[in-house]
C-alpha atoms as a PDB file:
ATOM      1  CA  MET A   1      79.687  51.060 -37.191  1.00  0.00           C
ATOM      2  CA  LYS A   2      76.805  48.687 -36.079  1.00  0.00           C
ATOM      3  CA  ALA A   3      75.668  46.384 -39.222  1.00  0.00           C
ATOM      4  CA  VAL A   4      73.699  43.283 -39.706  1.00  0.00           C
ATOM      5  CA  VAL A   5      75.458  40.298 -41.185  1.00  0.00           C
ATOM      6  CA  TYR A   6      75.229  36.748 -42.290  1.00  0.00           C
ATOM      7  CA  GLU A   7      78.588  34.868 -42.734  1.00  0.00           C
ATOM      8  CA  LYS A   8      76.677  31.854 -44.376  1.00  0.00           C
ATOM      9  CA  PHE A   9      73.165  31.306 -46.297  1.00  0.00           C
ATOM     10  CA  GLY A  10      70.330  30.167 -44.334  1.00  0.00           C
ATOM     11  CA  GLY A  11      67.412  31.296 -42.123  1.00  0.00           C
ATOM     12  CA  ALA A  12      66.927  34.483 -40.041  1.00  0.00           C
ATOM     13  CA  GLU A  13      68.921  32.654 -37.493  1.00  0.00           C
ATOM     14  CA  VAL A  14      72.379  33.211 -39.496  1.00  0.00           C
ATOM     15  CA  LEU A  15      71.979  37.122 -38.815  1.00  0.00           C
ATOM     16  CA  GLN A  16      74.229  38.956 -36.374  1.00  0.00           C
ATOM     17  CA  VAL A  17      74.794  42.297 -35.348  1.00  0.00           C
ATOM     18  CA  VAL A  18      78.530  43.209 -35.670  1.00  0.00           C
ATOM     19  CA  GLU A  19      80.918  46.166 -35.525  1.00  0.00           C
ATOM     20  CA  ARG A  20      82.163  46.943 -39.081  1.00  0.00           C
ATOM     21  CA  PRO A  21      84.168  49.493 -40.651  1.00  0.00           C
ATOM     22  CA  GLU A  22      82.433  52.382 -42.198  1.00  0.00           C
ATOM     23  CA  PRO A  23      82.021  51.757 -45.824  1.00  0.00           C
ATOM     24  CA  HIS A  24      84.333  53.120 -48.475  1.00  0.00           C
ATOM     25  CA  ILE A  25      82.891  55.731 -50.953  1.00  0.00           C
ATOM     26  CA  GLY A  26      83.697  55.740 -54.570  1.00  0.00           C
ATOM     27  CA  PRO A  27      83.510  59.030 -56.886  1.00  0.00           C
ATOM     28  CA  ASP A  28      80.031  58.508 -57.715  1.00  0.00           C
ATOM     29  CA  THR A  29      78.626  57.437 -54.342  1.00  0.00           C
ATOM     30  CA  VAL A  30      77.397  59.185 -51.335  1.00  0.00           C
ATOM     31  CA  LEU A  31      77.987  57.934 -47.556  1.00  0.00           C
ATOM     32  CA  VAL A  32      74.697  57.866 -45.844  1.00  0.00           C
ATOM     33  CA  LYS A  33      73.643  57.961 -42.392  1.00  0.00           C
ATOM     34  CA  VAL A  34      70.961  55.150 -42.408  1.00  0.00           C
ATOM     35  CA  VAL A  35      67.393  56.383 -40.551  1.00  0.00           C
ATOM     36  CA  ALA A  36      65.366  53.475 -41.908  1.00  0.00           C
ATOM     37  CA  VAL A  37      65.482  50.315 -44.044  1.00  0.00           C
ATOM     38  CA  GLY A  38      62.677  48.609 -46.016  1.00  0.00           C
ATOM     39  CA  LEU A  39      62.729  44.756 -46.293  1.00  0.00           C
ATOM     40  CA  ASN A  40      61.587  43.000 -49.248  1.00  0.00           C
ATOM     41  CA  PRO A  41      61.001  39.154 -49.848  1.00  0.00           C
ATOM     42  CA  VAL A  42      63.986  39.369 -52.312  1.00  0.00           C
ATOM     43  CA  ASP A  43      66.390  40.028 -49.374  1.00  0.00           C
ATOM     44  CA  TYR A  44      65.792  36.777 -47.449  1.00  0.00           C
ATOM     45  CA  LYS A  45      65.745  34.932 -50.644  1.00  0.00           C
ATOM     46  CA  VAL A  46      69.364  36.351 -51.380  1.00  0.00           C
ATOM     47  CA  ARG A  47      70.300  35.653 -47.741  1.00  0.00           C
ATOM     48  CA  GLU A  48      69.119  31.848 -48.212  1.00  0.00           C
ATOM     49  CA  GLY A  49      71.331  31.734 -51.354  1.00  0.00           C
ATOM     50  CA  TYR A  50      68.246  30.952 -53.715  1.00  0.00           C
ATOM     51  CA  LEU A  51      69.774  33.842 -56.202  1.00  0.00           C
ATOM     52  CA  GLN A  52      73.375  32.397 -56.506  1.00  0.00           C
ATOM     53  CA  GLY A  53      74.178  32.405 -60.331  1.00  0.00           C
ATOM     54  CA  LEU A  54      71.790  35.655 -60.774  1.00  0.00           C
ATOM     55  CA  ILE A  55      73.490  37.807 -58.394  1.00  0.00           C
ATOM     56  CA  ASP A  56      76.805  37.120 -56.668  1.00  0.00           C
ATOM     57  CA  THR A  57      77.043  37.448 -52.799  1.00  0.00           C
ATOM     58  CA  HIS A  58      80.544  37.983 -50.950  1.00  0.00           C
ATOM     59  CA  LEU A  59      80.421  36.918 -47.600  1.00  0.00           C
ATOM     60  CA  PRO A  60      80.067  38.075 -45.182  1.00  0.00           C
ATOM     61  CA  ALA A  61      77.124  40.155 -46.367  1.00  0.00           C
ATOM     62  CA  VAL A  62      74.820  43.104 -45.015  1.00  0.00           C
ATOM     63  CA  PRO A  63      71.537  42.371 -46.445  1.00  0.00           C
ATOM     64  CA  ALA A  64      68.824  44.816 -47.984  1.00  0.00           C
ATOM     65  CA  TRP A  65      68.646  47.433 -50.791  1.00  0.00           C
ATOM     66  CA  ASP A  66      66.057  49.777 -49.569  1.00  0.00           C
ATOM     67  CA  VAL A  67      67.144  52.683 -47.459  1.00  0.00           C
ATOM     68  CA  ALA A  68      66.407  56.429 -46.334  1.00  0.00           C
ATOM     69  CA  GLY A  69      68.899  58.421 -44.659  1.00  0.00           C
ATOM     70  CA  VAL A  70      70.919  61.451 -44.701  1.00  0.00           C
ATOM     71  CA  VAL A  71      74.047  62.009 -46.808  1.00  0.00           C
ATOM     72  CA  VAL A  72      77.101  62.626 -44.578  1.00  0.00           C
ATOM     73  CA  LYS A  73      79.754  62.608 -47.179  1.00  0.00           C
ATOM     74  CA  PRO A  74      79.614  63.364 -50.905  1.00  0.00           C
ATOM     75  CA  GLY A  75      81.565  61.499 -53.249  1.00  0.00           C
ATOM     76  CA  LEU A  76      84.110  63.149 -55.601  1.00  0.00           C
ATOM     77  CA  ASP A  77      81.702  63.647 -58.474  1.00  0.00           C
ATOM     78  CA  THR A  78      78.284  63.642 -56.953  1.00  0.00           C
ATOM     79  CA  PRO A  79      76.994  67.135 -57.841  1.00  0.00           C
ATOM     80  CA  GLU A  80      73.304  65.569 -57.330  1.00  0.00           C
ATOM     81  CA  PHE A  81      73.522  65.430 -53.524  1.00  0.00           C
ATOM     82  CA  GLU A  82      75.458  67.308 -50.867  1.00  0.00           C
ATOM     83  CA  ALA A  83      75.897  66.850 -46.948  1.00  0.00           C
ATOM     84  CA  GLY A  84      72.672  67.143 -45.061  1.00  0.00           C
ATOM     85  CA  ASP A  85      70.448  66.058 -48.086  1.00  0.00           C
ATOM     86  CA  GLU A  86      67.662  63.511 -47.130  1.00  0.00           C
ATOM     87  CA  ILE A  87      67.383  60.839 -49.630  1.00  0.00           C
ATOM     88  CA  LEU A  88      65.853  57.421 -50.328  1.00  0.00           C
ATOM     89  CA  ALA A  89      67.376  54.859 -52.845  1.00  0.00           C
ATOM     90  CA  TYR A  90      67.119  51.420 -54.142  1.00  0.00           C
ATOM     91  CA  ALA A  91      70.841  50.951 -53.437  1.00  0.00           C
ATOM     92  CA  ARG A  92      71.290  47.898 -55.323  1.00  0.00           C
ATOM     93  CA  LYS A  93      74.782  47.138 -56.510  1.00  0.00           C
ATOM     94  CA  ASP A  94      76.384  44.785 -58.766  1.00  0.00           C
ATOM     95  CA  VAL A  95      77.162  42.257 -55.924  1.00  0.00           C
ATOM     96  CA  VAL A  96      75.642  41.573 -52.472  1.00  0.00           C
ATOM     97  CA  SER A  97      77.984  42.542 -49.738  1.00  0.00           C
ATOM     98  CA  ASP A  98      77.622  46.073 -48.307  1.00  0.00           C
ATOM     99  CA  GLY A  99      73.827  46.357 -48.022  1.00  0.00           C
ATOM    100  CA  THR A 100      71.782  48.974 -46.073  1.00  0.00           C
ATOM    101  CA  LEU A 101      71.025  47.228 -42.810  1.00  0.00           C
ATOM    102  CA  ALA A 102      73.688  49.183 -41.085  1.00  0.00           C
ATOM    103  CA  GLU A 103      74.342  52.535 -39.394  1.00  0.00           C
ATOM    104  CA  TYR A 104      76.074  53.881 -42.803  1.00  0.00           C
ATOM    105  CA  VAL A 105      76.018  52.765 -46.312  1.00  0.00           C
ATOM    106  CA  SER A 106      77.381  53.685 -49.477  1.00  0.00           C
ATOM    107  CA  VAL A 107      74.803  54.808 -51.974  1.00  0.00           C
ATOM    108  CA  PRO A 108      75.362  55.069 -55.703  1.00  0.00           C
ATOM    109  CA  VAL A 109      73.861  58.300 -56.946  1.00  0.00           C
ATOM    110  CA  ARG A 110      72.312  56.397 -59.723  1.00  0.00           C
ATOM    111  CA  THR A 111      70.135  54.556 -57.198  1.00  0.00           C
ATOM    112  CA  ALA A 112      69.214  57.608 -55.129  1.00  0.00           C
ATOM    113  CA  ALA A 113      66.626  60.411 -55.017  1.00  0.00           C
ATOM    114  CA  LYS A 114      66.102  63.316 -52.751  1.00  0.00           C
ATOM    115  CA  LYS A 115      63.280  62.414 -49.965  1.00  0.00           C
ATOM    116  CA  PRO A 116      60.421  65.059 -49.984  1.00  0.00           C
ATOM    117  CA  ALA A 117      59.904  66.943 -46.533  1.00  0.00           C
ATOM    118  CA  GLY A 118      56.309  65.596 -46.405  1.00  0.00           C
ATOM    119  CA  LEU A 119      57.401  62.057 -46.525  1.00  0.00           C
ATOM    120  CA  SER A 120      58.299  60.364 -43.282  1.00  0.00           C
ATOM    121  CA  PHE A 121      61.860  58.207 -43.282  1.00  0.00           C
ATOM    122  CA  GLU A 122      59.851  54.984 -42.648  1.00  0.00           C
ATOM    123  CA  ALA A 123      57.635  55.684 -45.531  1.00  0.00           C
ATOM    124  CA  ALA A 124      60.429  56.376 -47.788  1.00  0.00           C
ATOM    125  CA  ALA A 125      62.309  53.615 -46.831  1.00  0.00           C
ATOM    126  CA  GLY A 126      59.531  51.200 -47.791  1.00  0.00           C
ATOM    127  CA  LEU A 127      59.057  52.752 -51.097  1.00  0.00           C
ATOM    128  CA  PRO A 128      62.227  52.023 -53.424  1.00  0.00           C
ATOM    129  CA  LEU A 129      62.172  48.515 -54.668  1.00  0.00           C
ATOM    130  CA  ALA A 130      58.292  47.965 -54.070  1.00  0.00           C
ATOM    131  CA  GLY A 131      57.532  51.291 -55.590  1.00  0.00           C
ATOM    132  CA  LEU A 132      59.816  51.007 -58.355  1.00  0.00           C
ATOM    133  CA  THR A 133      58.661  47.512 -59.204  1.00  0.00           C
ATOM    134  CA  ALA A 134      54.901  48.598 -59.339  1.00  0.00           C
ATOM    135  CA  LEU A 135      55.904  51.801 -61.455  1.00  0.00           C
ATOM    136  CA  GLN A 136      57.939  49.927 -64.173  1.00  0.00           C
ATOM    137  CA  THR A 137      55.357  47.184 -64.546  1.00  0.00           C
ATOM    138  CA  VAL A 138      52.606  49.285 -64.863  1.00  0.00           C
ATOM    139  CA  ARG A 139      54.225  51.387 -67.335  1.00  0.00           C
ATOM    140  CA  ARG A 140      55.554  48.170 -69.199  1.00  0.00           C
ATOM    141  CA  SER A 141      51.827  47.348 -69.383  1.00  0.00           C
ATOM    142  CA  GLY A 142      50.804  49.997 -71.405  1.00  0.00           C
ATOM    143  CA  LEU A 143      47.501  50.403 -68.993  1.00  0.00           C
ATOM    144  CA  GLY A 144      45.807  53.901 -68.941  1.00  0.00           C
ATOM    145  CA  GLU A 145      42.524  55.386 -68.907  1.00  0.00           C
ATOM    146  CA  GLY A 146      39.713  52.732 -69.250  1.00  0.00           C
ATOM    147  CA  SER A 147      41.712  49.695 -68.670  1.00  0.00           C
ATOM    148  CA  THR A 148      40.441  46.854 -66.950  1.00  0.00           C
ATOM    149  CA  VAL A 149      43.202  45.620 -64.695  1.00  0.00           C
ATOM    150  CA  LEU A 150      43.622  42.512 -62.431  1.00  0.00           C
ATOM    151  CA  VAL A 151      46.371  42.956 -60.019  1.00  0.00           C
ATOM    152  CA  HIS A 152      47.640  39.657 -58.058  1.00  0.00           C
ATOM    153  CA  ALA A 153      48.858  39.907 -54.565  1.00  0.00           C
ATOM    154  CA  ALA A 154      47.167  43.369 -54.372  1.00  0.00           C
ATOM    155  CA  ALA A 155      47.590  43.875 -50.730  1.00  0.00           C
ATOM    156  CA  GLY A 156      51.218  43.286 -50.728  1.00  0.00           C
ATOM    157  CA  GLY A 157      54.123  45.718 -50.702  1.00  0.00           C
ATOM    158  CA  VAL A 158      54.280  45.972 -54.519  1.00  0.00           C
ATOM    159  CA  GLY A 159      50.753  45.208 -55.526  1.00  0.00           C
ATOM    160  CA  SER A 160      49.103  47.930 -53.193  1.00  0.00           C
ATOM    161  CA  ILE A 161      51.386  50.506 -54.768  1.00  0.00           C
ATOM    162  CA  ALA A 162      50.528  49.106 -58.350  1.00  0.00           C
ATOM    163  CA  VAL A 163      46.659  49.435 -57.583  1.00  0.00           C
ATOM    164  CA  GLN A 164      47.261  53.106 -56.732  1.00  0.00           C
ATOM    165  CA  LEU A 165      49.248  53.837 -59.588  1.00  0.00           C
ATOM    166  CA  ALA A 166      46.758  51.939 -61.925  1.00  0.00           C
ATOM    167  CA  VAL A 167      43.641  53.807 -60.099  1.00  0.00           C
ATOM    168  CA  HIS A 168      45.636  57.299 -60.577  1.00  0.00           C
ATOM    169  CA  ALA A 169      46.075  56.427 -64.306  1.00  0.00           C
ATOM    170  CA  GLY A 170      42.281  56.001 -64.810  1.00  0.00           C
ATOM    171  CA  ALA A 171      42.031  52.377 -64.902  1.00  0.00           C
ATOM    172  CA  ARG A 172      39.205  50.022 -63.374  1.00  0.00           C
ATOM    173  CA  VAL A 173      41.271  47.858 -60.839  1.00  0.00           C
ATOM    174  CA  VAL A 174      40.401  44.368 -59.609  1.00  0.00           C
ATOM    175  CA  GLY A 175      42.661  43.110 -56.924  1.00  0.00           C
ATOM    176  CA  THR A 176      43.311  39.643 -55.715  1.00  0.00           C
ATOM    177  CA  ALA A 177      43.738  39.198 -51.844  1.00  0.00           C
ATOM    178  CA  SER A 178      42.599  37.368 -48.630  1.00  0.00           C
ATOM    179  CA  GLU A 179      39.387  38.070 -47.504  1.00  0.00           C
ATOM    180  CA  GLY A 180      40.987  39.838 -44.267  1.00  0.00           C
ATOM    181  CA  ASN A 181      42.462  42.461 -47.023  1.00  0.00           C
ATOM    182  CA  HIS A 182      39.343  43.247 -48.988  1.00  0.00           C
ATOM    183  CA  ALA A 183      38.156  46.084 -47.204  1.00  0.00           C
ATOM    184  CA  TYR A 184      41.701  47.385 -47.596  1.00  0.00           C
ATOM    185  CA  LEU A 185      41.806  47.039 -51.148  1.00  0.00           C
ATOM    186  CA  ARG A 186      38.549  48.867 -51.350  1.00  0.00           C
ATOM    187  CA  GLU A 187      40.227  51.781 -49.680  1.00  0.00           C
ATOM    188  CA  LEU A 188      42.901  51.781 -52.150  1.00  0.00           C
ATOM    189  CA  GLY A 189      40.383  51.956 -55.099  1.00  0.00           C
ATOM    190  CA  ALA A 190      40.340  48.245 -56.096  1.00  0.00           C
ATOM    191  CA  GLU A 191      37.513  45.668 -56.378  1.00  0.00           C
ATOM    192  CA  PRO A 192      38.630  42.594 -54.462  1.00  0.00           C
ATOM    193  CA  VAL A 193      38.590  39.157 -55.485  1.00  0.00           C
ATOM    194  CA  ALA A 194      39.536  35.983 -53.330  1.00  0.00           C
ATOM    195  CA  TYR A 195      42.473  33.833 -54.047  1.00  0.00           C
ATOM    196  CA  GLY A 196      42.217  29.999 -54.459  1.00  0.00           C
ATOM    197  CA  ASP A 197      39.703  27.806 -55.960  1.00  0.00           C
ATOM    198  CA  GLY A 198      36.886  29.654 -57.920  1.00  0.00           C
ATOM    199  CA  LEU A 199      39.507  32.509 -58.994  1.00  0.00           C
ATOM    200  CA  VAL A 200      38.252  32.384 -62.488  1.00  0.00           C
ATOM    201  CA  GLU A 201      34.967  32.412 -62.056  1.00  0.00           C
ATOM    202  CA  ALA A 202      34.921  35.288 -59.279  1.00  0.00           C
ATOM    203  CA  ALA A 203      37.104  37.340 -61.517  1.00  0.00           C
ATOM    204  CA  ARG A 204      34.877  36.907 -64.716  1.00  0.00           C
ATOM    205  CA  ALA A 205      31.979  37.784 -62.536  1.00  0.00           C
ATOM    206  CA  VAL A 206      33.465  41.211 -61.929  1.00  0.00           C
ATOM    207  CA  ALA A 207      34.831  41.525 -65.615  1.00  0.00           C
ATOM    208  CA  PRO A 208      32.791  39.348 -68.016  1.00  0.00           C
ATOM    209  CA  GLY A 209      35.031  40.507 -70.815  1.00  0.00           C
ATOM    210  CA  GLY A 210      38.408  39.664 -69.408  1.00  0.00           C
ATOM    211  CA  PHE A 211      41.177  41.911 -68.424  1.00  0.00           C
ATOM    212  CA  ASP A 212      43.218  44.094 -70.326  1.00  0.00           C
ATOM    213  CA  VAL A 213      46.050  43.989 -68.255  1.00  0.00           C
ATOM    214  CA  ILE A 214      47.088  41.286 -65.480  1.00  0.00           C
ATOM    215  CA  LEU A 215      49.957  42.427 -63.426  1.00  0.00           C
ATOM    216  CA  ASP A 216      51.405  39.160 -61.556  1.00  0.00           C
ATOM    217  CA  TYR A 217      53.239  39.665 -58.215  1.00  0.00           C
ATOM    218  CA  VAL A 218      52.706  36.187 -56.796  1.00  0.00           C
ATOM    219  CA  GLY A 219      53.150  33.598 -59.473  1.00  0.00           C
ATOM    220  CA  GLY A 220      51.603  29.963 -59.643  1.00  0.00           C
ATOM    221  CA  GLN A 221      48.100  30.279 -59.871  1.00  0.00           C
ATOM    222  CA  ALA A 222      48.217  33.764 -61.402  1.00  0.00           C
ATOM    223  CA  ILE A 223      50.131  32.490 -64.466  1.00  0.00           C
ATOM    224  CA  ASP A 224      48.179  29.547 -64.775  1.00  0.00           C
ATOM    225  CA  THR A 225      44.733  31.160 -64.806  1.00  0.00           C
ATOM    226  CA  ALA A 226      45.928  34.025 -67.210  1.00  0.00           C
ATOM    227  CA  PRO A 227      44.695  32.468 -70.299  1.00  0.00           C
ATOM    228  CA  ASP A 228      41.236  32.315 -69.004  1.00  0.00           C
ATOM    229  CA  LEU A 229      41.144  35.742 -67.640  1.00  0.00           C
ATOM    230  CA  LEU A 230      42.872  37.831 -70.420  1.00  0.00           C
ATOM    231  CA  ALA A 231      40.466  39.727 -72.789  1.00  0.00           C
ATOM    232  CA  PRO A 232      41.389  39.442 -76.403  1.00  0.00           C
ATOM    233  CA  GLY A 233      44.684  41.485 -77.174  1.00  0.00           C
ATOM    234  CA  GLY A 234      45.376  41.521 -73.393  1.00  0.00           C
ATOM    235  CA  THR A 235      48.814  41.316 -71.653  1.00  0.00           C
ATOM    236  CA  ILE A 236      50.283  40.120 -68.442  1.00  0.00           C
ATOM    237  CA  VAL A 237      53.398  41.551 -66.845  1.00  0.00           C
ATOM    238  CA  SER A 238      55.252  39.472 -64.213  1.00  0.00           C
ATOM    239  CA  ILE A 239      57.900  39.637 -61.877  1.00  0.00           C
ATOM    240  CA  THR A 240      57.818  36.114 -60.933  1.00  0.00           C
ATOM    241  CA  ASP A 241      57.661  33.969 -63.793  1.00  0.00           C
ATOM    242  CA  ALA A 242      59.131  34.001 -67.178  1.00  0.00           C
ATOM    243  CA  ARG A 243      56.115  32.069 -68.371  1.00  0.00           C
ATOM    244  CA  ALA A 244      54.467  35.479 -68.713  1.00  0.00           C
ATOM    245  CA  ARG A 245      56.613  36.456 -71.547  1.00  0.00           C
ATOM    246  CA  ASP A 246      57.805  33.013 -72.996  1.00  0.00           C
ATOM    247  CA  GLU A 247      54.259  31.355 -73.067  1.00  0.00           C
ATOM    248  CA  LEU A 248      51.883  34.106 -72.893  1.00  0.00           C
ATOM    249  CA  GLY A 249      53.552  36.692 -75.078  1.00  0.00           C
ATOM    250  CA  GLY A 250      53.657  39.320 -71.893  1.00  0.00           C
ATOM    251  CA  GLN A 251      56.568  40.876 -70.031  1.00  0.00           C
ATOM    252  CA  TYR A 252      58.754  39.964 -67.473  1.00  0.00           C
ATOM    253  CA  VAL A 253      60.093  42.517 -65.349  1.00  0.00           C
ATOM    254  CA  TRP A 254      63.352  42.711 -63.089  1.00  0.00           C
ATOM    255  CA  VAL A 255      63.264  46.157 -61.246  1.00  0.00           C
ATOM    256  CA  ARG A 256      65.898  48.393 -62.030  1.00  0.00           C
ATOM    257  CA  PRO A 257      67.234  51.310 -60.005  1.00  0.00           C
ATOM    258  CA  ASP A 258      65.680  54.831 -61.605  1.00  0.00           C
ATOM    259  CA  PRO A 259      66.416  57.971 -59.667  1.00  0.00           C
ATOM    260  CA  ALA A 260      63.878  59.894 -61.880  1.00  0.00           C
ATOM    261  CA  GLY A 261      61.055  57.027 -61.249  1.00  0.00           C
ATOM    262  CA  LEU A 262      61.912  57.193 -57.593  1.00  0.00           C
ATOM    263  CA  ALA A 263      61.648  61.113 -57.357  1.00  0.00           C
ATOM    264  CA  GLU A 264      58.069  60.734 -58.953  1.00  0.00           C
ATOM    265  CA  LEU A 265      57.095  58.213 -56.572  1.00  0.00           C
ATOM    266  CA  ALA A 266      58.519  60.138 -53.693  1.00  0.00           C
ATOM    267  CA  ASP A 267      56.361  63.287 -54.677  1.00  0.00           C
ATOM    268  CA  LEU A 268      53.181  61.073 -55.233  1.00  0.00           C
ATOM    269  CA  ALA A 269      53.630  59.489 -51.821  1.00  0.00           C
ATOM    270  CA  ALA A 270      54.582  63.117 -50.186  1.00  0.00           C
ATOM    271  CA  ARG A 271      51.224  64.517 -51.808  1.00  0.00           C
ATOM    272  CA  GLY A 272      49.022  61.457 -50.651  1.00  0.00           C
ATOM    273  CA  VAL A 273      48.348  60.090 -54.202  1.00  0.00           C
ATOM    274  CA  VAL A 274      50.111  57.106 -53.077  1.00  0.00           C
ATOM    275  CA  GLN A 275      50.255  55.613 -49.539  1.00  0.00           C
ATOM    276  CA  VAL A 276      52.907  53.567 -48.248  1.00  0.00           C
ATOM    277  CA  GLU A 277      51.616  51.579 -45.527  1.00  0.00           C
ATOM    278  CA  VAL A 278      54.313  50.415 -42.786  1.00  0.00           C
ATOM    279  CA  SER A 279      52.805  47.471 -40.987  1.00  0.00           C
ATOM    280  CA  GLN A 280      55.528  46.828 -38.685  1.00  0.00           C
ATOM    281  CA  THR A 281      58.770  48.562 -37.558  1.00  0.00           C
ATOM    282  CA  PHE A 282      61.908  46.944 -35.688  1.00  0.00           C
ATOM    283  CA  ASP A 283      64.973  48.445 -34.385  1.00  0.00           C
ATOM    284  CA  LEU A 284      68.389  47.246 -35.998  1.00  0.00           C
ATOM    285  CA  ASP A 285      69.294  44.876 -32.948  1.00  0.00           C
ATOM    286  CA  HIS A 286      66.157  43.049 -33.712  1.00  0.00           C
ATOM    287  CA  ALA A 287      66.374  42.835 -37.492  1.00  0.00           C
ATOM    288  CA  ALA A 288      66.229  39.068 -37.281  1.00  0.00           C
ATOM    289  CA  ASP A 289      62.826  39.200 -35.766  1.00  0.00           C
ATOM    290  CA  ALA A 290      61.561  41.708 -38.887  1.00  0.00           C
ATOM    291  CA  PHE A 291      62.683  38.863 -41.345  1.00  0.00           C
ATOM    292  CA  ARG A 292      60.841  36.353 -39.330  1.00  0.00           C
ATOM    293  CA  ALA A 293      57.708  38.529 -39.848  1.00  0.00           C
ATOM    294  CA  LEU A 294      58.364  39.330 -43.273  1.00  0.00           C
ATOM    295  CA  GLU A 295      58.917  35.377 -43.940  1.00  0.00           C
ATOM    296  CA  THR A 296      55.466  34.555 -42.914  1.00  0.00           C
ATOM    297  CA  GLY A 297      53.957  35.879 -46.107  1.00  0.00           C
ATOM    298  CA  HIS A 298      51.056  37.096 -44.606  1.00  0.00           C
ATOM    299  CA  THR A 299      52.307  40.852 -44.209  1.00  0.00           C
ATOM    300  CA  ARG A 300      50.134  43.783 -45.546  1.00  0.00           C
ATOM    301  CA  GLY A 301      52.242  46.798 -46.730  1.00  0.00           C
ATOM    302  CA  LYS A 302      55.828  47.091 -45.267  1.00  0.00           C
ATOM    303  CA  ILE A 303      58.179  45.977 -42.786  1.00  0.00           C
ATOM    304  CA  VAL A 304      60.575  48.428 -41.833  1.00  0.00           C
ATOM    305  CA  VAL A 305      63.886  48.573 -39.612  1.00  0.00           C
ATOM    306  CA  THR A 306      64.756  51.813 -38.094  1.00  0.00           C
ATOM    307  CA  VAL A 307      68.505  52.837 -37.120  1.00  0.00           C
END
């Protein structure tokens, strides 16, 4: 099969398209013919070696964890799926080696859910990691009807879904983004404020009493300004900085595979409650270009590689 691999840590230039054997499947995994792969910032951070010590990488490695495709061979004990099922998965394993940027991938059933017929493969591929991150942070925050919520990096892949989930839960949502994405945030149901100098003043002008919940998907300024923006008794949840937990009494979240949560997100997306914006698509031969686009840090929504 054709696959994208890297034999050493580095930038997008280390990626190459090669022929590899089809992956072996264990008793609780299924072999999936890949249709689309969603890329996430963590994928290039792993490729650059920044997560060594946290997640082991066995080189040469195939990058990426998000996938949407079709089951072609079930494992020995996988009653959840059969050949022909269309699925999506956050197919993160214990080590980085056989990722999803390939024509076929082995997918543990603990990471996968069936794809609704009304959801495109491209949108489904953009949903797993970002969607589960948004869902798990929203739930851990305890936000609900009437909460006032500040979402940092609200136009990004995770933030845009978190905005929609919070709005769906009945919260009032304010989102930080660059000026060019303010109209997009309004479409999602959020009130936009700009990053940078004057953030505290701008956010306080929108919510003078402060925020019951801050959802941080960017770090840096988001953590630094949190004490000035939280309402009394408010909480912050971060995926970027453990200071949210250790210094501010909030929570730090590392997203986990969750088939039930993924099925819930897929249903919301198929019904149009949650929109998954796919900003750009690339074919497998141009996966390095997809990473280069992702690494600019200016992408709205998701970048997807089609296979």
